């Protein structure tokens, strides 16, 4: 008799359930990712035309929101890694938000330097 393998219970090593911890960490991660993308675009436009100040400020604000969301998540959900609390996702979101804030800050500084030189 052939052995029956329940594919839906193994999930190929990945988690299939979206728990509240994972959902909350995903929100912070998405905000951090958007901050990173906006900061990168602002940095590129600040280097070319000097018009990256508005997008740089948006990246700074989104990064700050992402940092706050992720730090609050890390402080309220006390589970370890692998306990479906979203801890790893919150750490990734925190790193993305900090990078986005850094890119936004550099874009604002470059746009100030270009405008003051004119």
PDB file of N, CA and C in Angstrom:
ATOM      1  N   UNK A   1       0.844  -1.166   0.000  1.00  0.00           N
ATOM      2  CA  UNK A   1       0.000   0.000   0.000  1.00  0.00           C
ATOM      3  C   UNK A   1       0.898   1.241   0.000  1.00  0.00           C
ATOM      4  N   UNK A   2       0.536   2.223  -0.791  1.00  0.00           N
ATOM      5  CA  UNK A   2       1.335   3.448  -0.927  1.00  0.00           C
ATOM      6  C   UNK A   2       1.174   4.315   0.310  1.00  0.00           C
ATOM      7  N   UNK A   3       2.254   4.943   0.679  1.00  0.00           N
ATOM      8  CA  UNK A   3       2.222   5.835   1.845  1.00  0.00           C
ATOM      9  C   UNK A   3       1.543   7.146   1.445  1.00  0.00           C
ATOM     10  N   UNK A   4       0.673   7.618   2.305  1.00  0.00           N
ATOM     11  CA  UNK A   4      -0.054   8.853   2.047  1.00  0.00           C
ATOM     12  C   UNK A   4       0.698  10.024   2.674  1.00  0.00           C
ATOM     13  N   UNK A   5       0.993  11.032   1.881  1.00  0.00           N
ATOM     14  CA  UNK A   5       1.678  12.223   2.367  1.00  0.00           C
ATOM     15  C   UNK A   5       0.709  13.381   2.285  1.00  0.00           C
ATOM     16  N   UNK A   6       0.457  13.987   3.427  1.00  0.00           N
ATOM     17  CA  UNK A   6      -0.439  15.131   3.476  1.00  0.00           C
ATOM     18  C   UNK A   6       0.369  16.394   3.164  1.00  0.00           C
ATOM     19  N   UNK A   7       0.242  16.866   1.939  1.00  0.00           N
ATOM     20  CA  UNK A   7       1.027  18.008   1.486  1.00  0.00           C
ATOM     21  C   UNK A   7       0.630  19.272   2.243  1.00  0.00           C
ATOM     22  N   UNK A   8      -0.635  19.394   2.585  1.00  0.00           N
ATOM     23  CA  UNK A   8      -1.104  20.613   3.218  1.00  0.00           C
ATOM     24  C   UNK A   8      -0.656  20.756   4.665  1.00  0.00           C
ATOM     25  N   UNK A   9      -0.273  19.677   5.296  1.00  0.00           N
ATOM     26  CA  UNK A   9       0.174  19.796   6.676  1.00  0.00           C
ATOM     27  C   UNK A   9       1.683  20.047   6.770  1.00  0.00           C
ATOM     28  N   UNK A  10       2.429  19.685   5.733  1.00  0.00           N
ATOM     29  CA  UNK A  10       3.872  19.897   5.794  1.00  0.00           C
ATOM     30  C   UNK A  10       4.260  21.308   5.373  1.00  0.00           C
ATOM     31  N   UNK A  11       3.591  21.895   4.428  1.00  0.00           N
ATOM     32  CA  UNK A  11       3.829  23.253   3.943  1.00  0.00           C
ATOM     33  C   UNK A  11       5.232  23.442   3.414  1.00  0.00           C
ATOM     34  N   UNK A  12       5.906  22.373   3.078  1.00  0.00           N
ATOM     35  CA  UNK A  12       7.246  22.431   2.519  1.00  0.00           C
ATOM     36  C   UNK A  12       8.202  23.241   3.395  1.00  0.00           C
ATOM     37  N   UNK A  13       8.017  23.230   4.683  1.00  0.00           N
ATOM     38  CA  UNK A  13       8.900  23.931   5.599  1.00  0.00           C
ATOM     39  C   UNK A  13       8.547  25.388   5.823  1.00  0.00           C
ATOM     40  N   UNK A  14       7.527  25.887   5.158  1.00  0.00           N
ATOM     41  CA  UNK A  14       7.137  27.284   5.311  1.00  0.00           C
ATOM     42  C   UNK A  14       5.839  27.387   6.097  1.00  0.00           C
ATOM     43  N   UNK A  15       5.661  28.506   6.764  1.00  0.00           N
ATOM     44  CA  UNK A  15       4.439  28.727   7.515  1.00  0.00           C
ATOM     45  C   UNK A  15       3.319  29.139   6.570  1.00  0.00           C
ATOM     46  N   UNK A  16       2.168  28.550   6.738  1.00  0.00           N
ATOM     47  CA  UNK A  16       1.052  28.853   5.851  1.00  0.00           C
ATOM     48  C   UNK A  16      -0.007  29.709   6.536  1.00  0.00           C
ATOM     49  N   UNK A  17       0.043  29.812   7.832  1.00  0.00           N
ATOM     50  CA  UNK A  17      -0.967  30.579   8.542  1.00  0.00           C
ATOM     51  C   UNK A  17      -0.478  31.997   8.755  1.00  0.00           C
ATOM     52  N   UNK A  18      -1.386  32.960   8.582  1.00  0.00           N
ATOM     53  CA  UNK A  18      -1.064  34.357   8.837  1.00  0.00           C
ATOM     54  C   UNK A  18      -1.650  34.713  10.193  1.00  0.00           C
ATOM     55  N   UNK A  19      -0.798  34.683  11.207  1.00  0.00           N
ATOM     56  CA  UNK A  19      -1.239  34.985  12.560  1.00  0.00           C
ATOM     57  C   UNK A  19      -1.261  36.493  12.768  1.00  0.00           C
ATOM     58  N   UNK A  20      -1.790  36.936  13.896  1.00  0.00           N
ATOM     59  CA  UNK A  20      -1.837  38.376  14.167  1.00  0.00           C
ATOM     60  C   UNK A  20      -0.435  38.949  14.328  1.00  0.00           C
ATOM     61  N   UNK A  21       0.473  38.178  14.899  1.00  0.00           N
ATOM     62  CA  UNK A  21       1.853  38.639  15.036  1.00  0.00           C
ATOM     63  C   UNK A  21       2.521  38.840  13.696  1.00  0.00           C
ATOM     64  N   UNK A  22       2.309  37.893  12.794  1.00  0.00           N
ATOM     65  CA  UNK A  22       2.893  38.024  11.459  1.00  0.00           C
ATOM     66  C   UNK A  22       2.260  39.174  10.701  1.00  0.00           C
ATOM     67  N   UNK A  23       0.973  39.356  10.845  1.00  0.00           N
ATOM     68  CA  UNK A  23       0.290  40.446  10.139  1.00  0.00           C
ATOM     69  C   UNK A  23       0.788  41.800  10.622  1.00  0.00           C
ATOM     70  N   UNK A  24       0.964  41.947  11.931  1.00  0.00           N
ATOM     71  CA  UNK A  24       1.455  43.222  12.459  1.00  0.00           C
ATOM     72  C   UNK A  24       2.890  43.481  12.038  1.00  0.00           C
ATOM     73  N   UNK A  25       3.706  42.451  11.982  1.00  0.00           N
ATOM     74  CA  UNK A  25       5.082  42.667  11.548  1.00  0.00           C
ATOM     75  C   UNK A  25       5.142  42.967  10.057  1.00  0.00           C
ATOM     76  N   UNK A  26       4.211  42.407   9.281  1.00  0.00           N
ATOM     77  CA  UNK A  26       4.175  42.700   7.858  1.00  0.00           C
ATOM     78  C   UNK A  26       3.840  44.159   7.587  1.00  0.00           C
ATOM     79  N   UNK A  27       2.993  44.764   8.405  1.00  0.00           N
ATOM     80  CA  UNK A  27       2.655  46.174   8.220  1.00  0.00           C
ATOM     81  C   UNK A  27       3.901  47.036   8.389  1.00  0.00           C
ATOM     82  N   UNK A  28       4.651  46.802   9.439  1.00  0.00           N
ATOM     83  CA  UNK A  28       5.876  47.551   9.651  1.00  0.00           C
ATOM     84  C   UNK A  28       6.912  47.297   8.566  1.00  0.00           C
ATOM     85  N   UNK A  29       6.969  46.057   8.079  1.00  0.00           N
ATOM     86  CA  UNK A  29       7.916  45.718   7.028  1.00  0.00           C
ATOM     87  C   UNK A  29       7.554  46.404   5.719  1.00  0.00           C
ATOM     88  N   UNK A  30       6.274  46.447   5.386  1.00  0.00           N
ATOM     89  CA  UNK A  30       5.837  47.111   4.154  1.00  0.00           C
ATOM     90  C   UNK A  30       6.108  48.607   4.233  1.00  0.00           C
ATOM     91  N   UNK A  31       5.841  49.229   5.377  1.00  0.00           N
ATOM     92  CA  UNK A  31       6.119  50.656   5.537  1.00  0.00           C
ATOM     93  C   UNK A  31       7.621  50.912   5.419  1.00  0.00           C
ATOM     94  N   UNK A  32       8.436  50.050   6.011  1.00  0.00           N
ATOM     95  CA  UNK A  32       9.883  50.180   5.895  1.00  0.00           C
ATOM     96  C   UNK A  32      10.367  50.004   4.469  1.00  0.00           C
ATOM     97  N   UNK A  33       9.773  49.061   3.738  1.00  0.00           N
ATOM     98  CA  UNK A  33      10.150  48.837   2.348  1.00  0.00           C
ATOM     99  C   UNK A  33       9.773  50.037   1.481  1.00  0.00           C
ATOM    100  N   UNK A  34       8.597  50.602   1.701  1.00  0.00           N
ATOM    101  CA  UNK A  34       8.190  51.799   0.960  1.00  0.00           C
ATOM    102  C   UNK A  34       9.134  52.954   1.275  1.00  0.00           C
ATOM    103  N   UNK A  35       9.528  53.090   2.537  1.00  0.00           N
ATOM    104  CA  UNK A  35      10.481  54.123   2.915  1.00  0.00           C
ATOM    105  C   UNK A  35      11.807  53.935   2.194  1.00  0.00           C
ATOM    106  N   UNK A  36      12.266  52.706   2.090  1.00  0.00           N
ATOM    107  CA  UNK A  36      13.515  52.422   1.395  1.00  0.00           C
ATOM    108  C   UNK A  36      13.413  52.778  -0.082  1.00  0.00           C
ATOM    109  N   UNK A  37      12.317  52.422  -0.723  1.00  0.00           N
ATOM    110  CA  UNK A  37      12.137  52.703  -2.151  1.00  0.00           C
ATOM    111  C   UNK A  37      12.048  54.208  -2.391  1.00  0.00           C
ATOM    112  N   UNK A  38      11.265  54.918  -1.580  1.00  0.00           N
ATOM    113  CA  UNK A  38      11.134  56.368  -1.743  1.00  0.00           C
ATOM    114  C   UNK A  38      12.471  57.055  -1.463  1.00  0.00           C
ATOM    115  N   UNK A  39      13.196  56.590  -0.470  1.00  0.00           N
ATOM    116  CA  UNK A  39      14.504  57.156  -0.169  1.00  0.00           C
ATOM    117  C   UNK A  39      15.499  56.944  -1.287  1.00  0.00           C
ATOM    118  N   UNK A  40      15.455  55.780  -1.913  1.00  0.00           N
ATOM    119  CA  UNK A  40      16.346  55.495  -3.029  1.00  0.00           C
ATOM    120  C   UNK A  40      16.026  56.384  -4.224  1.00  0.00           C
ATOM    121  N   UNK A  41      14.730  56.542  -4.526  1.00  0.00           N
ATOM    122  CA  UNK A  41      14.321  57.421  -5.620  1.00  0.00           C
ATOM    123  C   UNK A  41      14.707  58.867  -5.314  1.00  0.00           C
ATOM    124  N   UNK A  42      14.535  59.300  -4.075  1.00  0.00           N
ATOM    125  CA  UNK A  42      14.896  60.664  -3.688  1.00  0.00           C
ATOM    126  C   UNK A  42      16.396  60.881  -3.813  1.00  0.00           C
ATOM    127  N   UNK A  43      17.164  59.892  -3.435  1.00  0.00           N
ATOM    128  CA  UNK A  43      18.619  60.013  -3.530  1.00  0.00           C
ATOM    129  C   UNK A  43      19.071  60.103  -4.982  1.00  0.00           C
ATOM    130  N   UNK A  44      18.445  59.335  -5.834  1.00  0.00           N
ATOM    131  CA  UNK A  44      18.782  59.406  -7.259  1.00  0.00           C
ATOM    132  C   UNK A  44      18.428  60.753  -7.854  1.00  0.00           C
ATOM    133  N   UNK A  45      17.244  61.275  -7.515  1.00  0.00           N
ATOM    134  CA  UNK A  45      16.858  62.564  -8.088  1.00  0.00           C
ATOM    135  C   UNK A  45      17.644  63.708  -7.462  1.00  0.00           C
ATOM    136  N   UNK A  46      18.060  63.581  -6.205  1.00  0.00           N
ATOM    137  CA  UNK A  46      18.877  64.623  -5.583  1.00  0.00           C
ATOM    138  C   UNK A  46      20.255  64.663  -6.208  1.00  0.00           C
ATOM    139  N   UNK A  47      20.772  63.523  -6.616  1.00  0.00           N
ATOM    140  CA  UNK A  47      22.080  63.488  -7.259  1.00  0.00           C
ATOM    141  C   UNK A  47      22.053  64.032  -8.666  1.00  0.00           C
ATOM    142  N   UNK A  48      20.938  63.863  -9.368  1.00  0.00           N
ATOM    143  CA  UNK A  48      20.848  64.309 -10.753  1.00  0.00           C
ATOM    144  C   UNK A  48      20.422  65.772 -10.857  1.00  0.00           C
ATOM    145  N   UNK A  49      19.299  66.090 -10.242  1.00  0.00           N
ATOM    146  CA  UNK A  49      18.708  67.418 -10.445  1.00  0.00           C
ATOM    147  C   UNK A  49      18.705  68.269  -9.197  1.00  0.00           C
ATOM    148  N   UNK A  50      18.910  67.696  -8.050  1.00  0.00           N
ATOM    149  CA  UNK A  50      18.849  68.447  -6.803  1.00  0.00           C
ATOM    150  C   UNK A  50      17.445  68.608  -6.260  1.00  0.00           C
ATOM    151  N   UNK A  51      16.482  67.875  -6.826  1.00  0.00           N
ATOM    152  CA  UNK A  51      15.084  67.977  -6.396  1.00  0.00           C
ATOM    153  C   UNK A  51      14.648  66.754  -5.601  1.00  0.00           C
ATOM    154  N   UNK A  52      15.418  66.343  -4.647  1.00  0.00           N
ATOM    155  CA  UNK A  52      15.066  65.166  -3.879  1.00  0.00           C
ATOM    156  C   UNK A  52      14.607  65.476  -2.470  1.00  0.00           C
ATOM    157  N   UNK A  53      14.410  66.750  -2.167  1.00  0.00           N
ATOM    158  CA  UNK A  53      14.104  67.121  -0.789  1.00  0.00           C
ATOM    159  C   UNK A  53      12.725  66.635  -0.345  1.00  0.00           C
ATOM    160  N   UNK A  54      11.702  66.816  -1.160  1.00  0.00           N
ATOM    161  CA  UNK A  54      10.348  66.400  -0.779  1.00  0.00           C
ATOM    162  C   UNK A  54      10.242  64.898  -0.579  1.00  0.00           C
ATOM    163  N   UNK A  55      10.778  64.142  -1.521  1.00  0.00           N
ATOM    164  CA  UNK A  55      10.747  62.685  -1.403  1.00  0.00           C
ATOM    165  C   UNK A  55      11.642  62.216  -0.256  1.00  0.00           C
ATOM    166  N   UNK A  56      12.733  62.944  -0.005  1.00  0.00           N
ATOM    167  CA  UNK A  56      13.601  62.589   1.115  1.00  0.00           C
ATOM    168  C   UNK A  56      12.900  62.752   2.450  1.00  0.00           C
ATOM    169  N   UNK A  57      12.111  63.820   2.574  1.00  0.00           N
ATOM    170  CA  UNK A  57      11.344  64.033   3.811  1.00  0.00           C
ATOM    171  C   UNK A  57      10.274  62.960   3.961  1.00  0.00           C
ATOM    172  N   UNK A  58       9.650  62.578   2.850  1.00  0.00           N
ATOM    173  CA  UNK A  58       8.648  61.500   2.900  1.00  0.00           C
ATOM    174  C   UNK A  58       9.306  60.198   3.347  1.00  0.00           C
ATOM    175  N   UNK A  59      10.496  59.915   2.832  1.00  0.00           N
ATOM    176  CA  UNK A  59      11.217  58.697   3.233  1.00  0.00           C
ATOM    177  C   UNK A  59      11.570  58.745   4.717  1.00  0.00           C
ATOM    178  N   UNK A  60      11.971  59.922   5.206  1.00  0.00           N
ATOM    179  CA  UNK A  60      12.281  60.057   6.638  1.00  0.00           C
ATOM    180  C   UNK A  60      11.055  59.801   7.497  1.00  0.00           C
ATOM    181  N   UNK A  61       9.912  60.370   7.105  1.00  0.00           N
ATOM    182  CA  UNK A  61       8.688  60.197   7.902  1.00  0.00           C
ATOM    183  C   UNK A  61       8.212  58.753   7.853  1.00  0.00           C
ATOM    184  N   UNK A  62       8.209  58.156   6.653  1.00  0.00           N
ATOM    185  CA  UNK A  62       7.792  56.750   6.549  1.00  0.00           C
ATOM    186  C   UNK A  62       8.739  55.832   7.315  1.00  0.00           C
ATOM    187  N   UNK A  63      10.022  56.126   7.265  1.00  0.00           N
ATOM    188  CA  UNK A  63      10.981  55.326   8.018  1.00  0.00           C
ATOM    189  C   UNK A  63      10.751  55.426   9.512  1.00  0.00           C
ATOM    190  N   UNK A  64      10.450  56.636   9.975  1.00  0.00           N
ATOM    191  CA  UNK A  64      10.169  56.812  11.404  1.00  0.00           C
ATOM    192  C   UNK A  64       8.914  56.055  11.811  1.00  0.00           C
ATOM    193  N   UNK A  65       7.888  56.095  10.979  1.00  0.00           N
ATOM    194  CA  UNK A  65       6.658  55.338  11.267  1.00  0.00           C
ATOM    195  C   UNK A  65       6.963  53.846  11.299  1.00  0.00           C
ATOM    196  N   UNK A  66       7.759  53.365  10.337  1.00  0.00           N
ATOM    197  CA  UNK A  66       8.124  51.953  10.311  1.00  0.00           C
ATOM    198  C   UNK A  66       8.922  51.540  11.530  1.00  0.00           C
ATOM    199  N   UNK A  67       9.848  52.394  11.967  1.00  0.00           N
ATOM    200  CA  UNK A  67      10.641  52.091  13.168  1.00  0.00           C
ATOM    201  C   UNK A  67       9.727  51.996  14.390  1.00  0.00           C
ATOM    202  N   UNK A  68       8.818  52.949  14.521  1.00  0.00           N
ATOM    203  CA  UNK A  68       7.908  52.934  15.675  1.00  0.00           C
ATOM    204  C   UNK A  68       7.044  51.677  15.650  1.00  0.00           C
ATOM    205  N   UNK A  69       6.480  51.345  14.491  1.00  0.00           N
ATOM    206  CA  UNK A  69       5.639  50.144  14.404  1.00  0.00           C
ATOM    207  C   UNK A  69       6.424  48.889  14.760  1.00  0.00           C
ATOM    208  N   UNK A  70       7.628  48.769  14.263  1.00  0.00           N
ATOM    209  CA  UNK A  70       8.417  47.561  14.509  1.00  0.00           C
ATOM    210  C   UNK A  70       8.910  47.479  15.946  1.00  0.00           C
ATOM    211  N   UNK A  71       9.310  48.602  16.530  1.00  0.00           N
ATOM    212  CA  UNK A  71       9.761  48.573  17.925  1.00  0.00           C
ATOM    213  C   UNK A  71       8.593  48.254  18.859  1.00  0.00           C
ATOM    214  N   UNK A  72       7.429  48.817  18.581  1.00  0.00           N
ATOM    215  CA  UNK A  72       6.252  48.489  19.400  1.00  0.00           C
ATOM    216  C   UNK A  72       5.917  47.011  19.255  1.00  0.00           C
ATOM    217  N   UNK A  73       6.015  46.490  18.030  1.00  0.00           N
ATOM    218  CA  UNK A  73       5.734  45.068  17.828  1.00  0.00           C
ATOM    219  C   UNK A  73       6.737  44.188  18.575  1.00  0.00           C
ATOM    220  N   UNK A  74       8.012  44.540  18.496  1.00  0.00           N
ATOM    221  CA  UNK A  74       9.025  43.737  19.178  1.00  0.00           C
ATOM    222  C   UNK A  74       8.880  43.796  20.694  1.00  0.00           C
ATOM    223  N   UNK A  75       8.380  44.900  21.214  1.00  0.00           N
ATOM    224  CA  UNK A  75       8.240  45.002  22.664  1.00  0.00           C
ATOM    225  C   UNK A  75       6.957  44.350  23.177  1.00  0.00           C
ATOM    226  N   UNK A  76       5.929  44.229  22.349  1.00  0.00           N
ATOM    227  CA  UNK A  76       4.673  43.642  22.833  1.00  0.00           C
ATOM    228  C   UNK A  76       4.597  42.137  22.597  1.00  0.00           C
ATOM    229  N   UNK A  77       5.120  41.642  21.483  1.00  0.00           N
ATOM    230  CA  UNK A  77       5.090  40.213  21.215  1.00  0.00           C
ATOM    231  C   UNK A  77       6.376  39.603  21.752  1.00  0.00           C
ATOM    232  N   UNK A  78       6.249  38.756  22.744  1.00  0.00           N
ATOM    233  CA  UNK A  78       7.412  38.237  23.456  1.00  0.00           C
ATOM    234  C   UNK A  78       7.828  36.836  23.024  1.00  0.00           C
ATOM    235  N   UNK A  79       7.209  36.288  22.011  1.00  0.00           N
ATOM    236  CA  UNK A  79       7.556  34.942  21.589  1.00  0.00           C
ATOM    237  C   UNK A  79       8.930  34.871  20.946  1.00  0.00           C
ATOM    238  N   UNK A  80       9.495  33.690  20.941  1.00  0.00           N
ATOM    239  CA  UNK A  80      10.810  33.477  20.329  1.00  0.00           C
ATOM    240  C   UNK A  80      10.643  33.300  18.818  1.00  0.00           C
ATOM    241  N   UNK A  81      11.764  33.151  18.138  1.00  0.00           N
ATOM    242  CA  UNK A  81      11.706  32.904  16.704  1.00  0.00           C
ATOM    243  C   UNK A  81      11.028  31.561  16.458  1.00  0.00           C
ATOM    244  N   UNK A  82      10.165  31.513  15.458  1.00  0.00           N
ATOM    245  CA  UNK A  82       9.463  30.291  15.132  1.00  0.00           C
ATOM    246  C   UNK A  82       8.203  30.071  15.930  1.00  0.00           C
ATOM    247  N   UNK A  83       7.808  31.016  16.764  1.00  0.00           N
ATOM    248  CA  UNK A  83       6.597  30.848  17.572  1.00  0.00           C
ATOM    249  C   UNK A  83       5.417  31.617  16.989  1.00  0.00           C
ATOM    250  N   UNK A  84       5.497  31.952  15.717  1.00  0.00           N
ATOM    251  CA  UNK A  84       4.430  32.639  14.993  1.00  0.00           C
ATOM    252  C   UNK A  84       4.112  34.008  15.573  1.00  0.00           C
ATOM    253  N   UNK A  85       5.121  34.673  16.146  1.00  0.00           N
ATOM    254  CA  UNK A  85       4.895  35.997  16.705  1.00  0.00           C
ATOM    255  C   UNK A  85       5.330  37.110  15.767  1.00  0.00           C
ATOM    256  N   UNK A  86       5.981  36.801  14.662  1.00  0.00           N
ATOM    257  CA  UNK A  86       6.394  37.803  13.702  1.00  0.00           C
ATOM    258  C   UNK A  86       7.644  38.560  14.088  1.00  0.00           C
ATOM    259  N   UNK A  87       8.437  37.976  14.948  1.00  0.00           N
ATOM    260  CA  UNK A  87       9.635  38.666  15.433  1.00  0.00           C
ATOM    261  C   UNK A  87      10.654  38.891  14.325  1.00  0.00           C
ATOM    262  N   UNK A  88      10.909  37.913  13.505  1.00  0.00           N
ATOM    263  CA  UNK A  88      11.890  38.046  12.425  1.00  0.00           C
ATOM    264  C   UNK A  88      11.425  39.075  11.399  1.00  0.00           C
ATOM    265  N   UNK A  89      10.149  39.081  11.092  1.00  0.00           N
ATOM    266  CA  UNK A  89       9.611  40.069  10.158  1.00  0.00           C
ATOM    267  C   UNK A  89       9.732  41.485  10.690  1.00  0.00           C
ATOM    268  N   UNK A  90       9.544  41.651  11.987  1.00  0.00           N
ATOM    269  CA  UNK A  90       9.676  42.978  12.592  1.00  0.00           C
ATOM    270  C   UNK A  90      11.124  43.444  12.570  1.00  0.00           C
ATOM    271  N   UNK A  91      12.055  42.529  12.750  1.00  0.00           N
ATOM    272  CA  UNK A  91      13.474  42.900  12.699  1.00  0.00           C
ATOM    273  C   UNK A  91      13.861  43.289  11.278  1.00  0.00           C
ATOM    274  N   UNK A  92      13.382  42.545  10.287  1.00  0.00           N
ATOM    275  CA  UNK A  92      13.650  42.891   8.891  1.00  0.00           C
ATOM    276  C   UNK A  92      13.029  44.251   8.570  1.00  0.00           C
ATOM    277  N   UNK A  93      11.804  44.489   9.032  1.00  0.00           N
ATOM    278  CA  UNK A  93      11.158  45.777   8.805  1.00  0.00           C
ATOM    279  C   UNK A  93      11.898  46.922   9.465  1.00  0.00           C
ATOM    280  N   UNK A  94      12.440  46.668  10.638  1.00  0.00           N
ATOM    281  CA  UNK A  94      13.219  47.692  11.344  1.00  0.00           C
ATOM    282  C   UNK A  94      14.472  48.053  10.552  1.00  0.00           C
ATOM    283  N   UNK A  95      15.153  47.058  10.021  1.00  0.00           N
ATOM    284  CA  UNK A  95      16.355  47.308   9.227  1.00  0.00           C
ATOM    285  C   UNK A  95      15.999  48.072   7.950  1.00  0.00           C
ATOM    286  N   UNK A  96      14.917  47.675   7.274  1.00  0.00           N
ATOM    287  CA  UNK A  96      14.501  48.369   6.056  1.00  0.00           C
ATOM    288  C   UNK A  96      14.138  49.820   6.339  1.00  0.00           C
ATOM    289  N   UNK A  97      13.428  50.058   7.441  1.00  0.00           N
ATOM    290  CA  UNK A  97      13.028  51.424   7.787  1.00  0.00           C
ATOM    291  C   UNK A  97      14.242  52.279   8.121  1.00  0.00           C
ATOM    292  N   UNK A  98      15.213  51.727   8.824  1.00  0.00           N
ATOM    293  CA  UNK A  98      16.419  52.485   9.141  1.00  0.00           C
ATOM    294  C   UNK A  98      17.226  52.815   7.889  1.00  0.00           C
ATOM    295  N   UNK A  99      17.299  51.883   6.954  1.00  0.00           N
ATOM    296  CA  UNK A  99      17.998  52.162   5.696  1.00  0.00           C
ATOM    297  C   UNK A  99      17.246  53.232   4.909  1.00  0.00           C
ATOM    298  N   UNK A 100      15.907  53.148   4.885  1.00  0.00           N
ATOM    299  CA  UNK A 100      15.111  54.161   4.200  1.00  0.00           C
ATOM    300  C   UNK A 100      15.284  55.533   4.811  1.00  0.00           C
ATOM    301  N   UNK A 101      15.359  55.590   6.145  1.00  0.00           N
ATOM    302  CA  UNK A 101      15.607  56.873   6.804  1.00  0.00           C
ATOM    303  C   UNK A 101      16.984  57.415   6.450  1.00  0.00           C
ATOM    304  N   UNK A 102      17.959  56.555   6.395  1.00  0.00           N
ATOM    305  CA  UNK A 102      19.303  56.985   6.022  1.00  0.00           C
ATOM    306  C   UNK A 102      19.358  57.526   4.601  1.00  0.00           C
ATOM    307  N   UNK A 103      18.721  56.824   3.670  1.00  0.00           N
ATOM    308  CA  UNK A 103      18.697  57.294   2.289  1.00  0.00           C
ATOM    309  C   UNK A 103      17.956  58.617   2.170  1.00  0.00           C
ATOM    310  N   UNK A 104      16.841  58.755   2.888  1.00  0.00           N
ATOM    311  CA  UNK A 104      16.092  60.005   2.859  1.00  0.00           C
ATOM    312  C   UNK A 104      16.892  61.156   3.442  1.00  0.00           C
ATOM    313  N   UNK A 105      17.607  60.898   4.511  1.00  0.00           N
ATOM    314  CA  UNK A 105      18.437  61.935   5.121  1.00  0.00           C
ATOM    315  C   UNK A 105      19.563  62.388   4.212  1.00  0.00           C
ATOM    316  N   UNK A 106      20.192  61.446   3.523  1.00  0.00           N
ATOM    317  CA  UNK A 106      21.258  61.799   2.583  1.00  0.00           C
ATOM    318  C   UNK A 106      20.688  62.586   1.410  1.00  0.00           C
ATOM    319  N   UNK A 107      19.485  62.214   0.952  1.00  0.00           N
ATOM    320  CA  UNK A 107      18.860  62.943  -0.160  1.00  0.00           C
ATOM    321  C   UNK A 107      18.542  64.372   0.246  1.00  0.00           C
ATOM    322  N   UNK A 108      18.035  64.575   1.462  1.00  0.00           N
ATOM    323  CA  UNK A 108      17.739  65.932   1.933  1.00  0.00           C
ATOM    324  C   UNK A 108      19.031  66.735   2.055  1.00  0.00           C
ATOM    325  N   UNK A 109      20.085  66.125   2.563  1.00  0.00           N
ATOM    326  CA  UNK A 109      21.360  66.825   2.705  1.00  0.00           C
ATOM    327  C   UNK A 109      21.946  67.193   1.343  1.00  0.00           C
ATOM    328  N   UNK A 110      21.851  66.289   0.377  1.00  0.00           N
ATOM    329  CA  UNK A 110      22.366  66.596  -0.955  1.00  0.00           C
ATOM    330  C   UNK A 110      21.561  67.699  -1.632  1.00  0.00           C
ATOM    331  N   UNK A 111      20.244  67.667  -1.472  1.00  0.00           N
ATOM    332  CA  UNK A 111      19.441  68.708  -2.112  1.00  0.00           C
ATOM    333  C   UNK A 111      19.696  70.061  -1.462  1.00  0.00           C
ATOM    334  N   UNK A 112      19.954  70.115  -0.168  1.00  0.00           N
ATOM    335  CA  UNK A 112      20.316  71.376   0.496  1.00  0.00           C
ATOM    336  C   UNK A 112      21.654  71.876  -0.014  1.00  0.00           C
ATOM    337  N   UNK A 113      22.612  70.983  -0.158  1.00  0.00           N
ATOM    338  CA  UNK A 113      23.943  71.381  -0.597  1.00  0.00           C
ATOM    339  C   UNK A 113      23.904  71.913  -2.024  1.00  0.00           C
ATOM    340  N   UNK A 114      23.123  71.282  -2.890  1.00  0.00           N
ATOM    341  CA  UNK A 114      23.040  71.722  -4.280  1.00  0.00           C
ATOM    342  C   UNK A 114      22.337  73.080  -4.353  1.00  0.00           C
ATOM    343  N   UNK A 115      21.253  73.258  -3.569  1.00  0.00           N
ATOM    344  CA  UNK A 115      20.519  74.523  -3.604  1.00  0.00           C
ATOM    345  C   UNK A 115      21.321  75.653  -2.966  1.00  0.00           C
ATOM    346  N   UNK A 116      22.150  75.382  -1.981  1.00  0.00           N
ATOM    347  CA  UNK A 116      22.931  76.448  -1.342  1.00  0.00           C
ATOM    348  C   UNK A 116      24.122  76.857  -2.201  1.00  0.00           C
ATOM    349  N   UNK A 117      24.556  75.974  -3.099  1.00  0.00           N
ATOM    350  CA  UNK A 117      25.688  76.304  -3.954  1.00  0.00           C
ATOM    351  C   UNK A 117      25.284  77.209  -5.118  1.00  0.00           C
ATOM    352  N   UNK A 118      23.993  77.252  -5.414  1.00  0.00           N
ATOM    353  CA  UNK A 118      23.529  78.041  -6.562  1.00  0.00           C
ATOM    354  C   UNK A 118      23.461  79.494  -6.267  1.00  0.00           C
TER     355      UNK A 118
END
